[in-house]
């Protein structure tokens, strides 16, 4: 019986097709409704450009007060540009118009676009004109002489010039929608068939197993969720058939694994003598004189970094590890105390391949981030346009959710690109940087965001503090710290402080009165994508990359970063840059630049 006669296939295929048709028509309906608003916004941008160019020419005419010159200017440029130009003084009196005699026109002070232009600088509206008895798209621009408004230039287009373009675009979109439905239906048909085939194979295999034939195996070509089921069935069959045999093979495999372990093992006693080493350690090349058992480790190991690690580890009560480069390879050296016998166990694991894989993964993530950055920007722009013109509260709420998540994806992409650039370790700039200027730019950047949350954003910087560093990286460091502070602070203040410490270093600190960080989370907050509270991070839009970027920048600048935090009270991030980079001294005396 053909697989399309089966009810499972038929129900799945029909459901998918109906869903595709519904989603396509809903999408087209939304696009058809919003496309006019999108196109109108583009026209407004065009009209705004015309208004700006006309305002420069109108300013001297408005200052002279010659209404005849202004009217001639409006009629001449209106016919030349193909738009209607109206010039109005701040009181609403019409000084010139492309289509009508300004003396016969009523006062325009109550026009919506004029009111907006007077209060906000620009204003737009789409309405019926009682003067020319047509529907027009208006855009008005306030003309200022210094800080004093001297007039308004209004540029408008007749609606008859807009609708043909929109109708043509809508027709093309309808054709595209039909093609999408047809293509999706074909793909759904093929996909439904591919899903039914493994179901049929699994049913036959279960019948065989129920009859006692445990040699039945499903093909490994089955993938996805059905592939997982097939693998479980195969594993069950193998388990029933070869249980004792597998147990024996596992014991032999474990014994072989211990014998052929390629991880280097070294046991050292309390006096520093080498008690044992395996073949895996011999491949590292550290034991230059053959077997070193019975010798002191400093006599056998010629690599100073290994000896240094052993000396430091013997003084510590807890386990420790370090990555060490030996003869072109990278080893993870781990030390563990065997307290019952007063010995230490050292393992040398070759992680060169892992390091290379990590590098490839970082490159891959960076490349992917670069590739998705452009479409995310496009999506963000379209959603912003839809949000500006959408009046339906439900749709606007859905669009806001999309916009918030697109912003979060964009932030993640930007963060990953930044981390990759830092991992590449390209040389930083080294130029004189005035920290007061850097802090002031960051404060200006976040002033509005802080005010919207009701927070006080303050800075305490001595005017003479200047260091040799990379200005862009230093500013990026502060931006991430201030953004993190504002994001997790609901009330109170965020403060940036810069001063010189007693050891001749420069300290930058960002403190807040936010939610704080529990002590158990502090050691991991600089890891990529690590967040203390994922629900709160999703609510505030955090990506988990900001502090990782800060850590990378601080280390590249040769400094250190530490955290002091109390849950419910606030946090302080302290960045310390070495004194060798400071060229002009400043004190820690308070000097506030308030928000």
Protein backbone atom coordinates (compact mmCIF):
# COMPACT_ATOMS: atom_id res chain seq x y z
CA UNK A 1 0.00 0.00 0.00
CA UNK A 2 1.50 3.42 -0.90
CA UNK A 3 2.63 5.41 2.10
CA UNK A 4 0.37 8.34 1.17
CA UNK A 5 -2.65 6.11 1.84
CA UNK A 6 -1.63 5.76 5.49
CA UNK A 7 -3.61 7.90 7.90
CA UNK A 8 -0.52 9.05 9.83
CA UNK A 9 1.07 10.47 6.70
CA UNK A 10 -2.17 12.02 5.47
CA UNK A 11 -2.96 13.73 8.79
CA UNK A 12 0.57 15.07 9.13
CA UNK A 13 0.70 16.36 5.53
CA UNK A 14 -2.71 18.06 5.69
CA UNK A 15 -1.88 19.67 9.06
CA UNK A 16 1.39 21.08 7.77
CA UNK A 17 -0.18 22.42 4.56
CA UNK A 18 -3.04 24.09 6.44
CA UNK A 19 -0.61 25.62 8.90
CA UNK A 20 1.57 26.95 6.07
CA UNK A 21 -1.44 28.45 4.26
CA UNK A 22 -2.71 30.07 7.46
CA UNK A 23 0.67 31.51 8.41
CA UNK A 24 1.30 32.77 4.87
CA UNK A 25 -2.02 34.57 4.62
CA UNK A 26 -1.66 36.03 8.11
CA UNK A 27 1.82 37.26 7.23
CA UNK A 28 0.62 38.79 3.95
CA UNK A 29 -2.30 40.44 5.74
CA UNK A 30 0.08 42.07 8.23
CA UNK A 31 2.50 43.11 5.50
CA UNK A 32 -0.30 44.54 3.33
CA UNK A 33 -1.47 46.55 6.31
CA UNK A 34 1.93 47.83 7.30
CA UNK A 35 3.62 48.31 3.94
CA UNK A 36 1.91 51.67 3.41
CA UNK A 37 3.23 52.88 6.77
CA UNK A 38 6.73 51.67 5.89
CA UNK A 39 6.70 53.37 2.50
CA UNK A 40 5.27 56.51 4.10
CA UNK A 41 8.17 56.59 6.58
CA UNK A 42 10.61 56.42 3.66
CA UNK A 43 8.82 59.34 2.00
CA UNK A 44 8.96 61.28 5.27
CA UNK A 45 12.72 60.77 5.37
CA UNK A 46 12.91 62.05 1.77
CA UNK A 47 10.73 65.06 2.61
CA UNK A 48 12.85 65.73 5.70
CA UNK A 49 15.96 65.84 3.51
CA UNK A 50 14.26 68.32 1.16
CA UNK A 51 13.10 70.42 4.11
CA UNK A 52 16.63 70.56 5.56
CA UNK A 53 18.10 71.70 2.22
CA UNK A 54 15.33 74.30 1.79
CA UNK A 55 15.73 75.61 5.36
CA UNK A 56 19.29 76.78 4.69
CA UNK A 57 18.04 78.89 1.76
CA UNK A 58 14.97 80.18 3.62
CA UNK A 59 16.79 81.37 6.75
CA UNK A 60 18.08 84.68 5.28
CA UNK A 61 14.68 85.33 3.66
CA UNK A 62 12.91 84.78 6.99
CA UNK A 63 15.36 87.07 8.77
CA UNK A 64 14.70 89.82 6.15
CA UNK A 65 10.93 89.35 6.54
CA UNK A 66 10.17 89.68 2.81
CA UNK A 67 6.93 87.71 2.31
CA UNK A 68 6.97 88.28 -1.48
CA UNK A 69 10.45 86.74 -1.77
CA UNK A 70 9.40 83.84 0.42
CA UNK A 71 6.27 83.19 -1.67
CA UNK A 72 8.25 83.32 -4.93
CA UNK A 73 10.80 80.90 -3.40
CA UNK A 74 8.01 78.44 -2.46
CA UNK A 75 6.35 78.54 -5.89
CA UNK A 76 9.62 78.29 -7.85
CA UNK A 77 11.13 75.40 -5.81
CA UNK A 78 7.80 73.60 -5.40
CA UNK A 79 7.30 73.28 -9.15
CA UNK A 80 10.97 72.39 -9.64
CA UNK A 81 10.99 69.63 -7.00
CA UNK A 82 7.48 68.32 -7.69
CA UNK A 83 6.26 68.92 -4.13
CA UNK A 84 4.11 71.47 -2.36
CA UNK A 85 6.15 73.88 -0.21
CA UNK A 86 4.55 76.04 2.49
CA UNK A 87 6.48 78.55 4.64
CA UNK A 88 4.89 79.56 7.96
CA UNK A 89 6.02 81.91 10.71
CA UNK A 90 6.05 80.77 14.42
CA UNK A 91 2.59 82.28 14.98
CA UNK A 92 1.05 80.12 12.24
CA UNK A 93 0.72 82.82 9.54
CA UNK A 94 1.41 81.49 6.03
CA UNK A 95 4.23 83.43 4.34
CA UNK A 96 4.43 81.47 1.07
CA UNK A 97 2.87 78.47 -0.65
CA UNK A 98 3.41 76.62 -3.92
CA UNK A 99 -0.28 76.11 -4.74
CA UNK A 100 -2.19 79.03 -3.16
CA UNK A 101 -2.00 82.75 -2.37
CA UNK A 102 -0.65 82.96 1.23
CA UNK A 103 -2.81 86.04 1.91
CA UNK A 104 -5.96 83.97 1.40
CA UNK A 105 -4.85 81.00 3.50
CA UNK A 106 -6.00 80.59 7.08
CA UNK A 107 -3.69 80.44 10.08
CA UNK A 108 -1.84 77.08 10.28
CA UNK A 109 -0.91 77.14 13.99
CA UNK A 110 -3.38 74.32 14.76
CA UNK A 111 -2.15 71.97 12.03
CA UNK A 112 -0.82 68.79 13.72
CA UNK A 113 2.49 68.78 11.83
CA UNK A 114 3.05 72.48 12.68
CA UNK A 115 2.41 71.92 16.39
CA UNK A 116 4.88 69.02 16.43
CA UNK A 117 7.51 71.01 14.54
CA UNK A 118 7.25 73.93 16.98
CA UNK A 119 7.69 71.67 20.03
CA UNK A 120 9.95 68.90 18.73
CA UNK A 121 11.71 70.38 15.72
CA UNK A 122 9.95 68.19 13.12
CA UNK A 123 6.41 66.91 12.58
CA UNK A 124 4.52 64.76 10.08
CA UNK A 125 0.88 63.96 9.28
CA UNK A 126 -1.19 62.28 6.56
CA UNK A 127 -4.54 64.09 6.18
CA UNK A 128 -7.01 65.84 3.92
CA UNK A 129 -6.17 69.43 2.98
CA UNK A 130 -9.12 71.84 2.99
CA UNK A 131 -7.05 74.33 0.99
CA UNK A 132 -6.34 72.15 -2.09
CA UNK A 133 -9.08 69.55 -1.34
CA UNK A 134 -6.73 66.56 -1.62
CA UNK A 135 -5.14 64.10 0.80
CA UNK A 136 -1.44 64.89 1.31
CA UNK A 137 1.54 63.61 3.26
CA UNK A 138 2.94 66.57 5.23
CA UNK A 139 6.35 66.99 6.86
CA UNK A 140 7.29 70.21 8.69
CA UNK A 141 10.73 71.39 9.90
CA UNK A 142 11.34 74.23 12.34
CA UNK A 143 13.91 76.81 11.18
CA UNK A 144 15.98 78.29 14.02
CA UNK A 145 18.20 81.35 14.09
CA UNK A 146 20.53 80.22 16.86
CA UNK A 147 18.17 79.12 19.62
CA UNK A 148 15.24 81.25 18.36
CA UNK A 149 12.65 79.75 15.95
CA UNK A 150 12.06 82.11 13.01
CA UNK A 151 9.76 79.99 10.86
CA UNK A 152 8.63 76.60 9.61
CA UNK A 153 9.05 75.03 6.19
CA UNK A 154 6.47 72.37 5.31
CA UNK A 155 6.96 69.98 2.39
CA UNK A 156 4.09 67.77 1.19
CA UNK A 157 3.24 65.15 -1.44
CA UNK A 158 -0.17 64.34 -2.94
CA UNK A 159 -1.48 60.89 -2.02
CA UNK A 160 -2.20 60.19 -5.69
CA UNK A 161 1.56 59.95 -6.26
CA UNK A 162 2.00 57.34 -3.50
CA UNK A 163 -0.76 54.79 -4.08
CA UNK A 164 0.34 53.37 -7.50
CA UNK A 165 3.71 52.34 -6.10
CA UNK A 166 2.08 50.68 -3.09
CA UNK A 167 -0.48 48.82 -5.21
CA UNK A 168 2.24 47.48 -7.49
CA UNK A 169 4.31 46.33 -4.51
CA UNK A 170 1.31 44.64 -2.90
CA UNK A 171 0.57 42.74 -6.10
CA UNK A 172 4.11 41.38 -6.23
CA UNK A 173 3.92 40.36 -2.59
CA UNK A 174 0.68 38.44 -3.25
CA UNK A 175 2.30 36.51 -6.09
CA UNK A 176 5.30 35.77 -3.87
CA UNK A 177 2.98 34.47 -1.15
CA UNK A 178 1.31 32.03 -3.56
CA UNK A 179 4.69 30.74 -4.72
CA UNK A 180 5.80 30.27 -1.11
CA UNK A 181 2.67 28.24 -0.33
CA UNK A 182 3.21 25.98 -3.33
CA UNK A 183 6.89 25.43 -2.53
CA UNK A 184 6.16 24.79 1.13
CA UNK A 185 3.45 22.27 0.21
CA UNK A 186 5.92 20.32 -1.91
CA UNK A 187 8.51 20.34 0.85
CA UNK A 188 5.88 19.27 3.40
CA UNK A 189 4.90 16.36 1.17
CA UNK A 190 8.50 15.18 0.89
CA UNK A 191 9.14 15.67 4.61
CA UNK A 192 6.02 13.75 5.61
CA UNK A 193 7.14 10.84 3.43
CA UNK A 194 10.61 10.83 4.99
CA UNK A 195 9.03 10.73 8.46
CA UNK A 196 6.71 7.84 7.68
CA UNK A 197 9.43 5.51 6.35
CA UNK A 198 11.33 5.15 9.69
CA UNK A 199 8.02 4.65 11.52
CA UNK A 200 7.27 1.71 9.25
CA UNK A 201 10.76 0.24 9.78
CA UNK A 202 10.51 0.61 13.55
CA UNK A 203 7.11 -1.12 13.58
CA UNK A 204 8.51 -4.13 11.71
CA UNK A 205 11.55 -4.29 14.01
CA UNK A 206 9.33 -4.33 17.11
CA UNK A 207 7.30 -7.17 15.63
CA UNK A 208 10.52 -9.14 15.11
CA UNK A 209 11.70 -8.49 18.68
CA UNK A 210 8.31 -9.49 20.12
CA UNK A 211 8.60 -12.79 18.25
CA UNK A 212 12.02 -13.50 19.83
CA UNK A 213 14.33 -12.55 16.96
CA UNK A 214 17.00 -10.50 18.77
CA UNK A 215 19.26 -10.31 15.70
CA UNK A 216 17.05 -7.59 14.26
CA UNK A 217 18.83 -4.26 13.71
CA UNK A 218 17.52 -0.98 12.44
CA UNK A 219 19.68 0.91 9.90
CA UNK A 220 21.91 3.66 11.23
CA UNK A 221 20.70 6.02 8.48
CA UNK A 222 17.60 6.87 10.53
CA UNK A 223 18.18 10.30 12.10
CA UNK A 224 16.46 12.75 14.42
CA UNK A 225 13.99 11.62 17.10
CA UNK A 226 13.24 8.45 15.15
CA UNK A 227 16.97 7.79 15.01
CA UNK A 228 17.13 8.00 18.80
CA UNK A 229 14.27 5.47 19.09
CA UNK A 230 16.00 3.20 16.58
CA UNK A 231 19.25 3.37 18.53
CA UNK A 232 17.46 2.47 21.76
CA UNK A 233 15.81 -0.52 20.05
CA UNK A 234 19.16 -1.67 18.69
CA UNK A 235 20.77 -1.26 22.11
CA UNK A 236 17.98 -3.28 23.73
CA UNK A 237 18.40 -6.06 21.20
CA UNK A 238 22.15 -6.17 21.68
CA UNK A 239 21.71 -6.17 25.44
CA UNK A 240 19.34 -9.12 25.42
CA UNK A 241 21.57 -11.11 23.09
CA UNK A 242 25.05 -10.35 24.33
CA UNK A 243 24.73 -9.34 27.96
CA UNK A 244 27.44 -11.60 29.43
CA UNK A 245 29.68 -11.22 26.43
CA UNK A 246 29.57 -7.44 26.68
CA UNK A 247 30.36 -7.53 30.37
CA UNK A 248 33.48 -9.55 29.64
CA UNK A 249 34.48 -7.25 26.78
CA UNK A 250 34.01 -4.18 28.98
CA UNK A 251 36.34 -5.63 31.64
CA UNK A 252 38.97 -6.39 29.01
CA UNK A 253 38.55 -2.95 27.48
CA UNK A 254 39.01 -1.30 30.88
CA UNK A 255 42.16 -3.31 31.55
CA UNK A 256 43.52 -2.39 28.13
CA UNK A 257 42.65 1.25 28.70
CA UNK A 258 44.63 1.36 31.94
CA UNK A 259 47.61 -0.29 30.29
CA UNK A 260 47.59 2.01 27.26
CA UNK A 261 46.71 5.25 29.03
CA UNK A 262 48.49 8.08 27.19
CA UNK A 263 48.12 10.61 29.99
CA UNK A 264 51.42 11.23 31.73
CA UNK A 265 51.43 10.22 35.41
CA UNK A 266 54.13 11.14 37.97
CA UNK A 267 54.10 10.47 41.71
CA UNK A 268 56.44 12.55 43.92
CA UNK A 269 57.03 12.09 47.66
CA UNK A 270 57.21 14.77 50.32
CA UNK A 271 60.95 15.25 49.78
CA UNK A 272 60.59 15.80 46.03
CA UNK A 273 61.76 12.37 44.84
CA UNK A 274 60.07 10.78 41.85
CA UNK A 275 58.48 7.49 42.90
CA UNK A 276 56.75 6.51 39.65
CA UNK A 277 56.14 7.61 36.09
CA UNK A 278 54.26 5.88 33.26
CA UNK A 279 54.91 5.51 29.56
CA UNK A 280 52.55 8.34 28.77
CA UNK A 281 54.80 10.74 30.69
CA UNK A 282 57.86 9.59 28.77
CA UNK A 283 56.28 10.87 25.54
CA UNK A 284 56.33 14.44 26.88
CA UNK A 285 60.12 14.56 26.56
CA UNK A 286 60.58 15.95 30.08
CA UNK A 287 62.54 12.95 31.30
CA UNK A 288 65.65 13.63 29.24
CA UNK A 289 67.82 11.01 30.97
CA UNK A 290 65.43 8.06 30.64
CA UNK A 291 63.71 6.82 33.78
CA UNK A 292 63.91 9.29 36.68
CA UNK A 293 62.48 7.13 39.44
CA UNK A 294 64.37 7.69 42.68
CA UNK A 295 65.75 11.09 41.60
CA UNK A 296 64.67 14.53 42.71
CA UNK A 297 62.28 16.16 40.23
CA UNK A 298 64.54 19.21 39.74
CA UNK A 299 67.37 16.89 38.71
CA UNK A 300 65.23 15.15 36.09
CA UNK A 301 62.99 17.88 34.76
CA UNK A 302 64.85 20.48 32.71
CA UNK A 303 61.74 22.56 32.03
CA UNK A 304 61.69 25.51 34.42
CA UNK A 305 57.94 26.13 34.15
CA UNK A 306 57.16 22.58 35.30
CA UNK A 307 59.55 22.86 38.26
CA UNK A 308 58.03 26.22 39.17
CA UNK A 309 54.53 24.73 39.11
CA UNK A 310 55.60 21.81 41.33
CA UNK A 311 57.26 24.17 43.85
CA UNK A 312 54.17 26.36 44.06
CA UNK A 313 51.79 23.41 44.23
CA UNK A 314 53.65 21.74 47.11
CA UNK A 315 52.95 24.86 49.20
CA UNK A 316 49.20 24.75 48.50
CA UNK A 317 46.72 22.56 50.38
CA UNK A 318 44.30 22.17 47.47
CA UNK A 319 44.56 20.72 43.99
CA UNK A 320 45.85 22.95 41.23
CA UNK A 321 46.34 22.95 37.47
CA UNK A 322 48.16 24.95 34.82
CA UNK A 323 48.56 24.92 31.05
CA UNK A 324 52.21 24.57 30.01
CA UNK A 325 53.71 24.64 26.52
CA UNK A 326 56.35 21.96 26.01
CA UNK A 327 58.17 21.34 22.73
CA UNK A 328 55.38 22.72 20.58
CA UNK A 329 52.61 20.92 22.50
CA UNK A 330 50.18 22.16 25.16
CA UNK A 331 49.80 20.11 28.32
CA UNK A 332 47.30 20.50 31.14
CA UNK A 333 49.35 19.77 34.24
CA UNK A 334 47.20 18.87 37.25
CA UNK A 335 48.45 18.36 40.78
CA UNK A 336 46.58 16.38 43.43
CA UNK A 337 47.62 15.73 47.04
CA UNK A 338 47.53 12.11 48.23
CA UNK A 339 47.27 13.11 51.87
CA UNK A 340 47.07 9.62 53.34
CA UNK A 341 50.58 8.84 51.98
CA UNK A 342 52.00 12.38 51.92
CA UNK A 343 52.57 12.27 48.18
CA UNK A 344 51.51 14.31 45.20
CA UNK A 345 50.17 13.01 41.89
CA UNK A 346 50.91 14.95 38.72
CA UNK A 347 49.09 14.29 35.45
CA UNK A 348 50.24 15.61 32.08
CA UNK A 349 47.38 15.63 29.57
CA UNK A 350 48.13 16.65 26.01
CA UNK A 351 45.41 19.18 25.13
CA UNK A 352 46.99 20.47 21.93
CA UNK A 353 44.15 19.09 19.83
CA UNK A 354 41.58 20.54 22.23
CA UNK A 355 43.27 23.92 22.03
CA UNK A 356 43.22 23.77 18.26
CA UNK A 357 39.57 22.72 18.33
CA UNK A 358 38.82 25.56 20.71
CA UNK A 359 40.49 27.98 18.32
CA UNK A 360 38.49 26.61 15.40
CA UNK A 361 35.28 26.85 17.41
CA UNK A 362 36.02 30.45 18.33
CA UNK A 363 36.73 31.26 14.69
CA UNK A 364 33.51 29.51 13.68
CA UNK A 365 31.45 31.40 16.26
CA UNK A 366 33.02 34.69 15.17
CA UNK A 367 32.32 33.94 11.49
CA UNK A 368 28.74 32.98 12.24
CA UNK A 369 28.33 36.14 14.33
CA UNK A 370 29.60 38.22 11.42
CA UNK A 371 27.19 36.50 9.02
CA UNK A 372 24.07 36.94 11.19
CA UNK A 373 24.88 40.53 12.09
CA UNK A 374 23.61 41.95 8.79
CA UNK A 375 20.23 40.11 8.69
CA UNK A 376 19.68 40.93 12.36
CA UNK A 377 20.23 44.60 11.60
CA UNK A 378 17.71 44.40 8.76
CA UNK A 379 15.15 42.63 10.97
CA UNK A 380 15.68 45.21 13.69
CA UNK A 381 15.08 48.05 11.26
CA UNK A 382 11.85 46.56 9.92
CA UNK A 383 10.55 45.84 13.45
CA UNK A 384 11.37 49.41 14.54
CA UNK A 385 9.37 50.72 11.58
CA UNK A 386 6.43 48.45 12.40
CA UNK A 387 6.53 49.51 16.06
CA UNK A 388 6.47 53.20 15.18
CA UNK A 389 3.33 52.93 13.08
CA UNK A 390 1.43 50.08 14.77
CA UNK A 391 -1.63 51.22 16.76
CA UNK A 392 -2.99 47.81 17.76
CA UNK A 393 -1.79 47.18 21.34
CA UNK A 394 -1.70 43.38 20.96
CA UNK A 395 0.39 43.51 17.79
CA UNK A 396 2.61 46.16 19.28
CA UNK A 397 3.25 43.90 22.30
CA UNK A 398 4.22 41.02 20.01
CA UNK A 399 6.47 43.29 17.96
CA UNK A 400 8.08 44.53 21.18
CA UNK A 401 8.91 40.94 22.14
CA UNK A 402 10.49 40.39 18.70
CA UNK A 403 12.42 43.66 18.97
CA UNK A 404 13.74 42.79 22.44
CA UNK A 405 15.00 39.38 21.35
CA UNK A 406 16.50 40.71 18.10
CA UNK A 407 18.38 43.27 20.18
CA UNK A 408 19.60 40.48 22.45
CA UNK A 409 20.78 38.40 19.48
CA UNK A 410 22.55 41.46 18.05
CA UNK A 411 24.26 42.06 21.40
CA UNK A 412 25.37 38.42 21.53
CA UNK A 413 26.76 38.61 17.98
CA UNK A 414 28.61 41.85 18.78
CA UNK A 415 29.97 40.36 22.01
CA UNK A 416 31.21 37.20 20.30
CA UNK A 417 32.89 39.25 17.57
CA UNK A 418 34.57 41.42 20.21
CA UNK A 419 35.78 38.36 22.16
CA UNK A 420 37.16 36.81 18.99
CA UNK A 421 39.04 40.01 18.18
CA UNK A 422 40.50 39.99 21.70
CA UNK A 423 41.44 36.30 21.40
CA UNK A 424 43.34 37.03 18.19
CA UNK A 425 45.56 39.29 20.31
CA UNK A 426 46.16 41.95 17.75
CA UNK A 427 48.32 44.73 19.23
CA UNK A 428 46.47 47.46 21.09
CA UNK A 429 47.07 51.14 20.49
CA UNK A 430 49.33 52.91 22.95
CA UNK A 431 48.55 56.63 23.02
CA UNK A 432 48.05 59.17 25.82
CA UNK A 433 44.45 58.97 27.07
CA UNK A 434 42.81 61.41 29.47
CA UNK A 435 40.63 59.29 31.74
CA UNK A 436 38.37 62.21 32.56
CA UNK A 437 37.41 62.53 28.87
CA UNK A 438 36.78 58.78 28.57
CA UNK A 439 34.57 58.71 31.68
CA UNK A 440 32.66 61.79 30.53
CA UNK A 441 31.84 60.16 27.19
CA UNK A 442 30.58 57.02 28.94
CA UNK A 443 28.45 59.10 31.34
CA UNK A 444 26.91 61.01 28.43
CA UNK A 445 26.23 57.74 26.64
CA UNK A 446 24.27 56.27 29.57
CA UNK A 447 22.79 59.44 31.04
CA UNK A 448 19.40 58.97 29.41
CA UNK A 449 19.19 55.25 30.26
CA UNK A 450 19.97 56.01 33.91
CA UNK A 451 17.39 58.80 34.04
CA UNK A 452 14.72 56.52 32.57
CA UNK A 453 15.29 54.08 35.45
CA UNK A 454 15.40 56.89 38.01
CA UNK A 455 19.08 56.27 38.79
CA UNK A 456 21.80 58.77 39.65
CA UNK A 457 24.86 58.34 37.39
CA UNK A 458 27.94 60.04 38.88
CA UNK A 459 31.64 60.21 38.12
CA UNK A 460 34.59 61.02 40.38
CA UNK A 461 37.70 61.65 38.27
CA UNK A 462 40.78 63.78 38.90
CA UNK A 463 41.36 66.07 35.95
CA UNK A 464 45.08 65.18 35.63
CA UNK A 465 44.82 61.39 35.43
CA UNK A 466 46.27 60.33 32.07
CA UNK A 467 47.70 56.98 30.96
CA UNK A 468 49.26 55.36 27.90
CA UNK A 469 46.68 52.84 26.61
CA UNK A 470 44.18 52.02 23.87
CA UNK A 471 41.35 54.59 24.15
CA UNK A 472 38.73 52.50 22.34
CA UNK A 473 39.36 49.37 24.42
CA UNK A 474 39.39 51.37 27.65
CA UNK A 475 36.10 53.00 26.72
CA UNK A 476 34.61 49.61 25.79
CA UNK A 477 35.72 48.27 29.19
CA UNK A 478 33.91 51.09 31.02
CA UNK A 479 30.83 50.83 28.78
CA UNK A 480 30.37 47.15 29.65
CA UNK A 481 30.82 47.77 33.38
CA UNK A 482 28.42 50.75 33.45
CA UNK A 483 25.87 48.92 31.27
CA UNK A 484 26.02 45.93 33.62
CA UNK A 485 25.61 48.19 36.68
CA UNK A 486 22.59 50.07 35.28
CA UNK A 487 21.01 46.85 34.01
CA UNK A 488 20.96 45.24 37.48
CA UNK A 489 20.19 48.36 39.56
CA UNK A 490 16.57 49.27 40.16
CA UNK A 491 17.07 52.29 42.41
CA UNK A 492 19.87 54.33 43.90
CA UNK A 493 23.00 55.25 41.96
CA UNK A 494 25.84 54.09 39.74
CA UNK A 495 29.23 55.73 40.29
CA UNK A 496 32.47 55.71 38.28
CA UNK A 497 35.68 56.52 40.16
CA UNK A 498 39.23 56.96 38.88
CA UNK A 499 42.27 57.60 41.07
CA UNK A 500 45.91 56.71 41.75
CA UNK A 501 46.70 54.07 44.39
CA UNK A 502 49.63 53.91 46.78
CA UNK A 503 51.55 51.47 44.55
CA UNK A 504 51.55 54.06 41.73
CA UNK A 505 48.83 52.28 39.73
CA UNK A 506 45.60 53.72 38.32
CA UNK A 507 42.34 52.30 39.64
CA UNK A 508 38.99 52.52 37.86
CA UNK A 509 35.95 51.37 39.80
CA UNK A 510 32.26 51.12 38.92
CA UNK A 511 29.93 50.71 41.88
CA UNK A 512 26.15 50.38 42.08
CA UNK A 513 23.35 49.89 44.58
CA UNK A 514 21.84 46.99 42.68
CA UNK A 515 20.90 43.42 43.50
CA UNK A 516 24.47 42.30 44.27
CA UNK A 517 26.15 38.95 43.59
CA UNK A 518 26.28 35.97 45.92
CA UNK A 519 29.79 34.83 46.87
CA UNK A 520 29.45 31.42 45.19
CA UNK A 521 28.86 33.07 41.79
CA UNK A 522 31.75 35.57 41.84
CA UNK A 523 34.48 33.11 40.66
CA UNK A 524 32.48 32.39 37.47
CA UNK A 525 30.96 35.74 36.49
CA UNK A 526 33.74 36.43 33.96
CA UNK A 527 33.04 33.22 32.03
CA UNK A 528 31.34 33.47 28.65
CA UNK A 529 27.53 33.24 28.81
CA UNK A 530 27.56 32.76 32.59
CA UNK A 531 24.69 34.58 34.30
CA UNK A 532 23.78 34.49 37.98
CA UNK A 533 20.01 34.60 37.43
CA UNK A 534 18.91 33.54 33.94
CA UNK A 535 15.32 34.72 34.42
CA UNK A 536 16.50 38.19 35.44
CA UNK A 537 19.04 38.20 32.61
CA UNK A 538 16.31 37.50 30.06
CA UNK A 539 14.19 40.23 31.63
CA UNK A 540 16.97 42.84 31.41
CA UNK A 541 18.36 41.64 28.05
CA UNK A 542 21.78 40.53 29.34
CA UNK A 543 23.92 38.28 27.11
CA UNK A 544 26.45 36.94 29.63
CA UNK A 545 29.33 38.26 27.50
CA UNK A 546 29.92 41.77 28.88
CA UNK A 547 32.04 40.82 31.88
CA UNK A 548 33.98 38.27 29.81
CA UNK A 549 34.88 41.09 27.40
CA UNK A 550 35.93 43.26 30.35
CA UNK A 551 38.16 40.47 31.69
CA UNK A 552 39.86 40.00 28.31
CA UNK A 553 40.50 43.73 27.87
CA UNK A 554 41.89 44.13 31.39
CA UNK A 555 44.29 41.22 30.93
CA UNK A 556 45.42 42.55 27.54
CA UNK A 557 46.11 45.93 29.19
CA UNK A 558 48.24 44.17 31.79
CA UNK A 559 45.87 44.92 34.66
CA UNK A 560 43.67 43.04 37.10
CA UNK A 561 39.98 43.13 37.96
CA UNK A 562 38.26 42.24 41.21
CA UNK A 563 34.71 42.31 42.56
CA UNK A 564 33.28 43.33 45.91
CA UNK A 565 29.59 42.55 46.26
CA UNK A 566 26.89 42.08 48.87
CA UNK A 567 23.49 40.66 47.81
CA UNK A 568 20.79 43.28 48.18
CA UNK A 569 23.31 46.09 48.76
CA UNK A 570 25.29 46.42 45.52
CA UNK A 571 28.51 45.60 43.71
CA UNK A 572 31.82 47.30 42.95
CA UNK A 573 34.05 46.24 40.04
CA UNK A 574 37.64 47.44 40.52
CA UNK A 575 40.05 47.59 37.56
CA UNK A 576 43.70 48.19 38.39
CA UNK A 577 46.09 49.23 35.62
CA UNK A 578 49.86 48.99 36.27
CA UNK A 579 51.80 52.16 37.09
CA UNK A 580 54.16 51.71 34.13
CA UNK A 581 51.35 52.84 31.87
CA UNK A 582 50.58 56.06 33.77
CA UNK A 583 52.28 59.21 32.56
CA UNK A 584 50.56 61.98 34.59
CA UNK A 585 49.70 61.49 38.23
CA UNK A 586 46.37 62.25 39.82
CA UNK A 587 45.17 61.82 43.39
CA UNK A 588 42.18 60.02 44.83
CA UNK A 589 40.72 63.26 46.14
CA UNK A 590 37.04 63.37 45.18
CA UNK A 591 36.16 65.37 42.11
CA UNK A 592 32.57 64.79 40.99
CA UNK A 593 31.14 65.14 37.51
CA UNK A 594 27.50 64.64 38.37
CA UNK A 595 24.93 63.33 35.95
